[in-house]
N, C-alpha and C. Protein backbone atom coordinates (compact mmCIF):
# COMPACT_ATOMS: atom_id res chain seq x y z
N UNK A 1 -7.28 27.88 -18.96
CA UNK A 1 -7.25 29.36 -18.14
C UNK A 1 -5.43 30.69 -17.92
N UNK A 2 -5.45 30.94 -19.14
CA UNK A 2 -4.19 31.77 -19.12
C UNK A 2 -3.38 31.84 -17.68
N UNK A 3 -2.29 31.70 -17.24
CA UNK A 3 -1.54 32.02 -16.71
C UNK A 3 -0.56 32.93 -16.11
N UNK A 4 -0.90 33.97 -17.30
CA UNK A 4 -0.09 35.14 -16.96
C UNK A 4 -0.94 36.53 -17.62
N UNK A 5 -0.79 37.88 -17.04
CA UNK A 5 -0.82 39.21 -17.88
C UNK A 5 -0.12 39.64 -18.68
N UNK A 6 -0.91 40.36 -20.48
CA UNK A 6 0.53 41.07 -20.92
C UNK A 6 0.32 42.18 -20.10
N UNK A 7 1.21 43.66 -20.07
CA UNK A 7 0.78 44.42 -19.58
C UNK A 7 1.76 45.54 -20.67
N UNK A 8 1.46 46.39 -20.56
CA UNK A 8 1.99 47.92 -21.58
C UNK A 8 2.14 48.52 -20.10
N UNK A 9 3.54 49.24 -20.49
CA UNK A 9 4.10 50.04 -20.14
C UNK A 9 4.57 51.05 -20.41
N UNK A 10 4.42 52.41 -20.13
CA UNK A 10 5.80 53.15 -21.04
C UNK A 10 7.15 53.78 -19.91
N UNK A 11 8.19 53.91 -20.51
CA UNK A 11 8.92 54.13 -19.77
C UNK A 11 9.56 55.36 -20.13
N UNK A 12 9.68 56.42 -19.67
CA UNK A 12 10.78 57.57 -19.92
C UNK A 12 12.10 57.75 -18.72
N UNK A 13 12.71 58.47 -19.63
CA UNK A 13 14.33 58.58 -18.54
C UNK A 13 14.25 60.14 -19.29
N UNK A 14 15.60 60.60 -18.43
CA UNK A 14 16.36 61.45 -18.75
C UNK A 14 16.54 62.05 -18.03
N UNK A 15 18.03 63.57 -17.66
CA UNK A 15 18.83 63.86 -16.58
C UNK A 15 17.78 65.06 -15.93
N UNK A 16 18.79 65.08 -14.72
CA UNK A 16 17.58 66.01 -14.03
C UNK A 16 18.81 66.09 -12.70
N UNK A 17 19.44 67.50 -12.74
CA UNK A 17 20.69 68.00 -12.17
C UNK A 17 21.72 66.81 -12.06
N UNK A 18 22.15 66.19 -13.42
CA UNK A 18 23.36 65.40 -13.30
C UNK A 18 22.97 64.38 -13.12
N UNK A 19 21.61 63.51 -12.72
CA UNK A 19 22.15 62.76 -12.72
C UNK A 19 20.60 61.79 -13.93
N UNK A 20 20.66 60.61 -14.09
CA UNK A 20 20.30 59.89 -14.66
C UNK A 20 18.57 59.36 -13.92
N UNK A 21 17.66 60.02 -14.22
CA UNK A 21 15.92 59.73 -13.67
C UNK A 21 15.35 58.89 -14.78
N UNK A 22 14.68 58.03 -14.00
CA UNK A 22 13.38 56.99 -14.67
C UNK A 22 12.04 57.03 -14.28
N UNK A 23 10.86 56.84 -14.86
CA UNK A 23 9.96 56.51 -14.21
C UNK A 23 8.71 55.49 -15.18
N UNK A 24 8.01 54.31 -14.66
CA UNK A 24 7.13 53.76 -15.97
C UNK A 24 5.79 54.33 -15.31
N UNK A 25 4.95 54.59 -16.46
CA UNK A 25 3.61 53.63 -16.08
C UNK A 25 2.93 52.90 -17.09
N UNK A 26 1.92 52.79 -16.45
CA UNK A 26 1.06 51.91 -17.00
C UNK A 26 -0.14 51.76 -16.02
N UNK A 27 -1.63 51.27 -16.85
CA UNK A 27 -2.56 50.98 -16.39
C UNK A 27 -3.38 50.43 -17.62
N UNK A 28 -4.27 49.85 -17.13
CA UNK A 28 -5.05 47.96 -17.73
C UNK A 28 -5.82 49.34 -18.60
N UNK A 29 -6.46 50.65 -17.82
CA UNK A 29 -7.73 51.81 -18.60
C UNK A 29 -7.06 52.68 -19.23
N UNK A 30 -5.09 53.07 -19.57
CA UNK A 30 -5.15 53.59 -19.74
C UNK A 30 -4.33 53.07 -21.65
N UNK A 31 -4.73 53.83 -22.95
CA UNK A 31 -4.01 54.42 -23.87
C UNK A 31 -2.29 54.86 -24.09
N UNK A 32 -1.96 54.67 -24.52
CA UNK A 32 -1.02 54.78 -25.25
C UNK A 32 -0.69 56.63 -24.82
N UNK A 33 -1.38 57.29 -25.55
CA UNK A 33 -1.30 58.93 -25.41
C UNK A 33 -1.23 58.88 -23.89
N UNK A 34 -2.93 58.63 -22.67
CA UNK A 34 -2.29 58.50 -21.50
C UNK A 34 -1.17 58.25 -21.21
N UNK A 35 -0.48 57.63 -21.04
CA UNK A 35 0.65 56.59 -20.77
C UNK A 35 1.62 57.78 -21.00
N UNK A 36 2.00 58.66 -21.77
CA UNK A 36 3.10 59.71 -22.42
C UNK A 36 2.93 61.00 -21.61
N UNK A 37 1.36 61.09 -21.53
CA UNK A 37 0.37 62.57 -20.77
C UNK A 37 1.33 61.90 -19.24
N UNK A 38 1.52 61.05 -18.86
CA UNK A 38 1.48 61.06 -17.39
C UNK A 38 2.99 61.26 -17.21
N UNK A 39 3.86 61.22 -17.87
CA UNK A 39 5.10 60.95 -17.57
C UNK A 39 5.98 61.55 -18.37
N UNK A 40 5.30 62.69 -18.84
CA UNK A 40 5.09 64.28 -19.08
C UNK A 40 5.23 65.22 -18.05
N UNK A 41 3.66 64.74 -17.39
CA UNK A 41 3.35 64.78 -16.37
C UNK A 41 4.49 65.44 -15.02
N UNK A 42 5.25 64.34 -14.57
CA UNK A 42 6.46 63.68 -13.92
C UNK A 42 7.32 64.24 -14.22
N UNK A 43 7.85 64.90 -15.81
CA UNK A 43 8.83 65.53 -15.96
C UNK A 43 10.27 64.06 -16.52
N UNK A 44 9.92 63.09 -16.80
CA UNK A 44 10.23 62.34 -17.61
C UNK A 44 9.55 62.06 -19.02
N UNK A 45 9.74 63.10 -19.64
CA UNK A 45 9.39 63.13 -20.56
C UNK A 45 9.82 62.71 -22.11
N UNK A 46 11.41 62.92 -22.07
CA UNK A 46 12.51 63.42 -22.15
C UNK A 46 13.16 62.55 -23.78
N UNK A 47 12.96 61.44 -23.22
CA UNK A 47 13.04 59.91 -24.03
C UNK A 47 11.44 59.03 -23.63
N UNK A 48 10.51 58.53 -23.99
CA UNK A 48 10.17 57.56 -23.94
C UNK A 48 10.13 56.17 -24.46
N UNK A 49 9.52 55.10 -23.97
CA UNK A 49 9.62 54.20 -25.03
C UNK A 49 8.64 52.84 -23.96
N UNK A 50 8.31 52.15 -25.21
CA UNK A 50 7.23 51.27 -24.34
C UNK A 50 7.46 49.66 -24.09
N UNK A 51 7.23 49.10 -23.11
CA UNK A 51 7.89 47.69 -22.40
C UNK A 51 6.54 46.65 -22.39
N UNK A 52 6.47 45.56 -23.40
CA UNK A 52 5.38 44.87 -22.83
C UNK A 52 6.07 44.17 -22.14
N UNK A 53 5.47 42.94 -21.83
CA UNK A 53 5.92 41.81 -21.18
C UNK A 53 4.54 41.18 -20.15
N UNK A 54 5.06 40.22 -20.74
CA UNK A 54 4.16 38.83 -19.81
C UNK A 54 4.21 38.44 -18.51
N UNK A 55 3.35 38.98 -17.61
CA UNK A 55 3.61 39.34 -15.56
C UNK A 55 3.13 37.60 -15.32
N UNK A 56 3.52 36.84 -14.51
CA UNK A 56 2.73 35.65 -13.98
C UNK A 56 1.63 36.42 -12.85
N UNK A 57 0.52 35.51 -13.37
CA UNK A 57 -0.13 35.84 -12.68
C UNK A 57 0.06 34.74 -11.12
N UNK A 58 0.12 35.57 -9.36
CA UNK A 58 0.00 34.82 -8.83
C UNK A 58 -0.72 33.85 -8.49
N UNK A 59 0.15 32.49 -7.68
CA UNK A 59 -1.13 31.30 -7.26
C UNK A 59 -1.32 31.01 -6.05
N UNK A 60 -2.54 30.47 -6.19
CA UNK A 60 -2.96 29.71 -4.78
C UNK A 60 -1.86 29.33 -4.29
N UNK A 61 -1.44 28.74 -3.04
CA UNK A 61 -0.60 28.40 -2.14
C UNK A 61 -0.92 27.62 -1.20
N UNK A 62 -0.58 26.54 -0.51
CA UNK A 62 -1.21 25.66 1.15
C UNK A 62 0.45 26.22 1.69
N UNK A 63 0.38 26.57 2.82
CA UNK A 63 1.42 26.38 3.50
C UNK A 63 1.10 25.51 4.54
N UNK A 64 1.83 24.47 4.97
CA UNK A 64 0.87 23.56 6.24
C UNK A 64 2.22 23.92 7.18
N UNK A 65 1.46 24.03 8.12
CA UNK A 65 2.66 24.78 9.96
C UNK A 65 1.77 24.00 10.63
N UNK A 66 1.85 24.38 12.39
CA UNK A 66 1.77 23.19 13.42
C UNK A 66 2.25 24.57 14.17
N UNK A 67 0.87 25.56 14.86
CA UNK A 67 1.17 26.08 16.15
C UNK A 67 1.00 25.62 17.49
N UNK A 68 1.30 25.27 18.41
CA UNK A 68 2.30 25.07 19.13
C UNK A 68 1.99 26.29 20.27
């Protein structure tokens, strides 16, 4: 079993009122075109790159404690 999941996000940035703004969007159900369209809808489509990463999956943990 793999203990990570591969993600692909579209990251868009631009300038708004003299300030650098950015946003990222990604979903396992979207293709790259849908990701870019979402950033365009948010007006963060000036510059877009794709970021891929392996994200560790959460692991079940046992926490010991005592109730008094």
